[in-house]
């Protein structure tokens, strides 16, 4: 890898973290001109497309990236993430499984697969609990597994269990924006805005740049809904 390629990838990732996804995409494309279908720049390009809400272009490129780098777990992860963003859950699960086959201990892939599986009503809760238990290690990293398990319970109608698990996720990592967001949505439905507002506000304080649509929706909701 050339120094210029590495510098462009680093700059693209920095731009994405700052929320400038258009700049991130331009830098990733420039890096790809240096090294066509380089995995690092390719993943950055997919993330930039997703940050811009360009889900179909993200998937189109992710599939090409995977085809050029079939041995790289990161390419399968990028493909799975793009599929998940489009609601194509079964293919996303398969893509994450393909990545895990190449990197069996990759926690990011395992968490991504667990999250995708939570939305599949045919996957029993006991299986999801077993998968989550394998990922929970007594650290702040537990938050993502707990959050996924909370979503699984909520989607299967056990709101009390979901609430408790969202609370555990926040205790493990107080700055977990989507645990706050989902807990707020659940509590608003169950108990009204007074119970939900603190978590909506926490979400707004912590939301990543890619969550612009959720941020706009929450701001509108807070403005229009009284604190009953």
Protein backbone atom coordinates (compact mmCIF):
# COMPACT_ATOMS: atom_id res chain seq x y z
CA UNK A 1 0.00 0.00 0.00
CA UNK A 2 1.29 3.42 -0.90
CA UNK A 3 1.56 6.21 1.66
CA UNK A 4 -0.89 8.26 -0.41
CA UNK A 5 -3.48 5.47 -0.40
CA UNK A 6 -3.20 5.08 3.38
CA UNK A 7 -3.44 8.84 3.93
CA UNK A 8 -6.57 9.08 1.75
CA UNK A 9 -8.26 6.20 3.60
CA UNK A 10 -7.46 7.77 6.98
CA UNK A 11 -8.81 11.12 5.77
CA UNK A 12 -11.98 9.46 4.42
CA UNK A 13 -12.63 7.73 7.74
CA UNK A 14 -11.97 10.97 9.65
CA UNK A 15 -14.43 12.82 7.42
CA UNK A 16 -17.08 10.15 7.99
CA UNK A 17 -16.62 10.34 11.77
CA UNK A 18 -17.11 14.11 11.49
CA UNK A 19 -20.33 13.59 9.53
CA UNK A 20 -19.03 14.91 6.21
CA UNK A 21 -20.01 11.87 4.16
CA UNK A 22 -19.76 13.67 0.82
CA UNK A 23 -16.11 14.46 1.55
CA UNK A 24 -15.58 10.90 2.81
CA UNK A 25 -16.97 9.52 -0.45
CA UNK A 26 -14.76 11.77 -2.57
CA UNK A 27 -11.67 10.77 -0.59
CA UNK A 28 -12.56 7.08 -0.77
CA UNK A 29 -13.00 7.34 -4.53
CA UNK A 30 -9.63 9.05 -4.81
CA UNK A 31 -8.03 6.26 -2.77
CA UNK A 32 -9.67 3.68 -5.03
CA UNK A 33 -8.06 5.32 -8.03
CA UNK A 34 -4.74 4.66 -6.30
CA UNK A 35 -5.66 1.05 -5.54
CA UNK A 36 -8.79 -0.23 -7.34
CA UNK A 37 -10.99 -2.29 -5.03
CA UNK A 38 -8.63 -1.84 -2.12
CA UNK A 39 -10.51 -3.25 0.84
CA UNK A 40 -9.87 -0.32 3.19
CA UNK A 41 -10.98 2.32 0.71
CA UNK A 42 -13.84 0.12 -0.48
CA UNK A 43 -15.27 -0.24 3.00
CA UNK A 44 -14.92 3.54 3.50
CA UNK A 45 -16.83 4.10 0.25
CA UNK A 46 -19.68 1.82 1.35
CA UNK A 47 -19.89 3.58 4.73
CA UNK A 48 -19.94 6.98 3.01
CA UNK A 49 -22.76 5.92 0.70
CA UNK A 50 -24.74 4.66 3.69
CA UNK A 51 -24.08 7.88 5.59
CA UNK A 52 -25.53 9.79 2.65
CA UNK A 53 -28.59 7.52 2.59
CA UNK A 54 -27.47 6.04 -0.74
CA UNK A 55 -28.33 2.47 0.12
CA UNK A 56 -28.60 0.96 -3.37
CA UNK A 57 -25.26 2.43 -4.55
CA UNK A 58 -23.74 1.17 -1.29
CA UNK A 59 -24.94 -2.35 -2.02
CA UNK A 60 -23.93 -2.22 -5.68
CA UNK A 61 -20.36 -1.31 -4.77
CA UNK A 62 -20.23 -3.63 -1.75
CA UNK A 63 -21.13 -6.61 -3.94
CA UNK A 64 -18.40 -5.69 -6.42
CA UNK A 65 -15.95 -5.24 -3.54
CA UNK A 66 -16.85 -8.67 -2.17
CA UNK A 67 -16.50 -10.28 -5.59
CA UNK A 68 -12.99 -8.81 -5.93
CA UNK A 69 -12.02 -9.65 -2.31
CA UNK A 70 -13.91 -12.89 -1.50
CA UNK A 71 -11.35 -13.91 1.11
CA UNK A 72 -11.71 -10.69 3.15
CA UNK A 73 -14.18 -10.71 6.02
CA UNK A 74 -14.48 -6.91 5.80
CA UNK A 75 -15.95 -7.17 2.29
CA UNK A 76 -18.66 -9.55 3.48
CA UNK A 77 -19.38 -7.26 6.44
CA UNK A 78 -19.78 -4.26 4.12
CA UNK A 79 -22.11 -6.26 1.91
CA UNK A 80 -24.17 -7.42 4.89
CA UNK A 81 -24.43 -3.90 6.27
CA UNK A 82 -25.69 -2.56 2.94
CA UNK A 83 -28.21 -5.40 2.65
CA UNK A 84 -29.39 -4.79 6.22
CA UNK A 85 -29.89 -1.08 5.48
CA UNK A 86 -32.25 -2.10 2.64
CA UNK A 87 -34.23 -4.44 4.90
CA UNK A 88 -32.94 -7.52 3.08
CA UNK A 89 -32.45 -9.42 6.30
CA UNK A 90 -31.92 -12.99 5.14
CA UNK A 91 -29.20 -12.10 2.59
CA UNK A 92 -27.63 -9.82 5.21
CA UNK A 93 -27.49 -12.71 7.69
CA UNK A 94 -25.84 -14.85 5.00
CA UNK A 95 -23.27 -12.15 4.25
CA UNK A 96 -22.36 -11.79 7.91
CA UNK A 97 -22.12 -15.59 8.21
CA UNK A 98 -19.76 -15.62 5.21
CA UNK A 99 -17.60 -13.03 6.97
CA UNK A 100 -17.59 -15.04 10.20
CA UNK A 101 -16.50 -18.13 8.26
CA UNK A 102 -13.39 -16.17 7.25
CA UNK A 103 -12.85 -14.50 10.64
CA UNK A 104 -14.48 -16.75 13.28
CA UNK A 105 -13.61 -14.54 16.23
CA UNK A 106 -14.63 -11.21 14.72
CA UNK A 107 -16.88 -9.57 17.31
CA UNK A 108 -18.14 -6.88 14.93
CA UNK A 109 -19.42 -9.52 12.51
CA UNK A 110 -20.94 -11.55 15.32
CA UNK A 111 -22.79 -8.50 16.64
CA UNK A 112 -23.96 -7.58 13.15
CA UNK A 113 -25.29 -11.10 12.60
CA UNK A 114 -27.02 -11.08 16.00
CA UNK A 115 -28.68 -7.74 15.18
CA UNK A 116 -29.90 -9.00 11.82
CA UNK A 117 -31.24 -12.19 13.38
CA UNK A 118 -33.29 -10.23 15.95
CA UNK A 119 -35.62 -9.18 13.13
CA UNK A 120 -36.28 -12.74 11.99
CA UNK A 121 -39.44 -14.04 13.72
CA UNK A 122 -38.43 -17.60 12.89
CA UNK A 123 -35.31 -17.37 15.05
CA UNK A 124 -36.26 -18.39 18.60
CA UNK A 125 -35.42 -16.05 21.44
CA UNK A 126 -33.47 -18.85 23.13
CA UNK A 127 -31.03 -18.93 20.21
CA UNK A 128 -30.58 -15.16 20.31
CA UNK A 129 -30.00 -15.29 24.06
CA UNK A 130 -27.36 -17.97 23.58
CA UNK A 131 -25.61 -15.92 20.91
CA UNK A 132 -25.72 -12.80 23.08
CA UNK A 133 -24.35 -14.71 26.06
CA UNK A 134 -21.29 -15.66 24.02
CA UNK A 135 -20.62 -11.98 23.34
CA UNK A 136 -21.20 -10.65 26.87
CA UNK A 137 -17.88 -10.46 28.67
CA UNK A 138 -18.48 -8.16 31.63
CA UNK A 139 -17.28 -4.97 29.94
CA UNK A 140 -18.72 -1.89 28.25
CA UNK A 141 -18.74 -3.96 25.06
CA UNK A 142 -21.72 -5.83 26.52
CA UNK A 143 -23.94 -2.89 25.57
CA UNK A 144 -24.29 -3.84 21.91
CA UNK A 145 -25.24 -7.45 22.65
CA UNK A 146 -27.72 -6.33 25.31
CA UNK A 147 -29.19 -3.77 22.91
CA UNK A 148 -29.69 -6.42 20.23
CA UNK A 149 -31.33 -8.74 22.74
CA UNK A 150 -33.59 -5.91 23.90
CA UNK A 151 -34.74 -5.34 20.31
CA UNK A 152 -35.40 -9.06 19.95
CA UNK A 153 -37.66 -9.06 23.00
CA UNK A 154 -39.47 -5.92 21.90
CA UNK A 155 -40.09 -7.29 18.41
CA UNK A 156 -41.48 -10.47 19.98
CA UNK A 157 -43.85 -8.52 22.23
CA UNK A 158 -42.12 -8.72 25.62
CA UNK A 159 -41.87 -5.01 26.35
CA UNK A 160 -41.00 -5.44 30.04
CA UNK A 161 -37.98 -7.59 29.21
CA UNK A 162 -36.99 -5.19 26.43
CA UNK A 163 -37.15 -2.21 28.78
CA UNK A 164 -34.96 -3.96 31.34
CA UNK A 165 -32.40 -4.93 28.70
CA UNK A 166 -32.24 -1.41 27.25
CA UNK A 167 -31.58 -0.17 30.79
CA UNK A 168 -28.79 -2.75 31.19
CA UNK A 169 -27.27 -1.68 27.88
CA UNK A 170 -27.24 1.95 29.00
CA UNK A 171 -25.73 0.96 32.37
CA UNK A 172 -22.95 -0.87 30.51
CA UNK A 173 -22.38 2.10 28.18
CA UNK A 174 -24.17 5.29 29.22
CA UNK A 175 -23.40 6.90 25.87
CA UNK A 176 -25.19 4.35 23.70
CA UNK A 177 -27.40 6.56 21.53
CA UNK A 178 -29.62 3.87 20.05
CA UNK A 179 -30.27 2.19 23.37
CA UNK A 180 -31.56 5.58 24.56
CA UNK A 181 -33.52 6.05 21.33
CA UNK A 182 -35.22 2.66 21.42
CA UNK A 183 -35.92 2.87 25.13
CA UNK A 184 -37.46 6.31 24.61
CA UNK A 185 -39.69 5.03 21.80
CA UNK A 186 -40.80 2.10 23.93
CA UNK A 187 -41.51 4.21 27.00
CA UNK A 188 -43.36 6.85 25.04
CA UNK A 189 -45.66 4.15 23.72
CA UNK A 190 -46.16 2.64 27.17
CA UNK A 191 -46.09 5.60 29.55
CA UNK A 192 -46.04 8.84 27.59
CA UNK A 193 -43.53 11.55 26.84
CA UNK A 194 -42.59 12.30 30.46
CA UNK A 195 -41.02 8.84 30.77
CA UNK A 196 -39.43 9.01 27.34
CA UNK A 197 -38.09 12.58 27.20
CA UNK A 198 -34.83 12.03 29.18
CA UNK A 199 -33.81 9.27 26.80
CA UNK A 200 -34.80 11.24 23.70
CA UNK A 201 -32.62 14.09 24.98
CA UNK A 202 -29.75 11.68 25.68
CA UNK A 203 -30.09 10.36 22.14
CA UNK A 204 -29.93 13.88 20.68
CA UNK A 205 -26.80 14.57 22.73
CA UNK A 206 -25.10 11.37 21.61
CA UNK A 207 -26.43 10.69 18.10
CA UNK A 208 -23.80 9.92 15.44
CA UNK A 209 -23.75 11.99 12.23
CA UNK A 210 -25.28 9.10 10.28
CA UNK A 211 -28.47 9.30 12.38
CA UNK A 212 -29.66 12.55 10.83
CA UNK A 213 -33.12 11.18 9.95
CA UNK A 214 -33.70 9.92 13.50
CA UNK A 215 -32.46 13.20 14.96
CA UNK A 216 -34.88 15.20 12.83
CA UNK A 217 -37.78 12.91 13.77
CA UNK A 218 -37.00 13.15 17.50
CA UNK A 219 -36.71 16.92 17.42
CA UNK A 220 -40.07 17.14 15.66
CA UNK A 221 -41.63 14.73 18.16
CA UNK A 222 -40.30 16.63 21.18
CA UNK A 223 -41.60 19.89 19.74
CA UNK A 224 -45.06 18.54 18.98
CA UNK A 225 -45.65 16.26 21.97
CA UNK A 226 -46.41 17.73 25.39
CA UNK A 227 -44.47 16.49 28.41
CA UNK A 228 -47.50 14.70 29.85
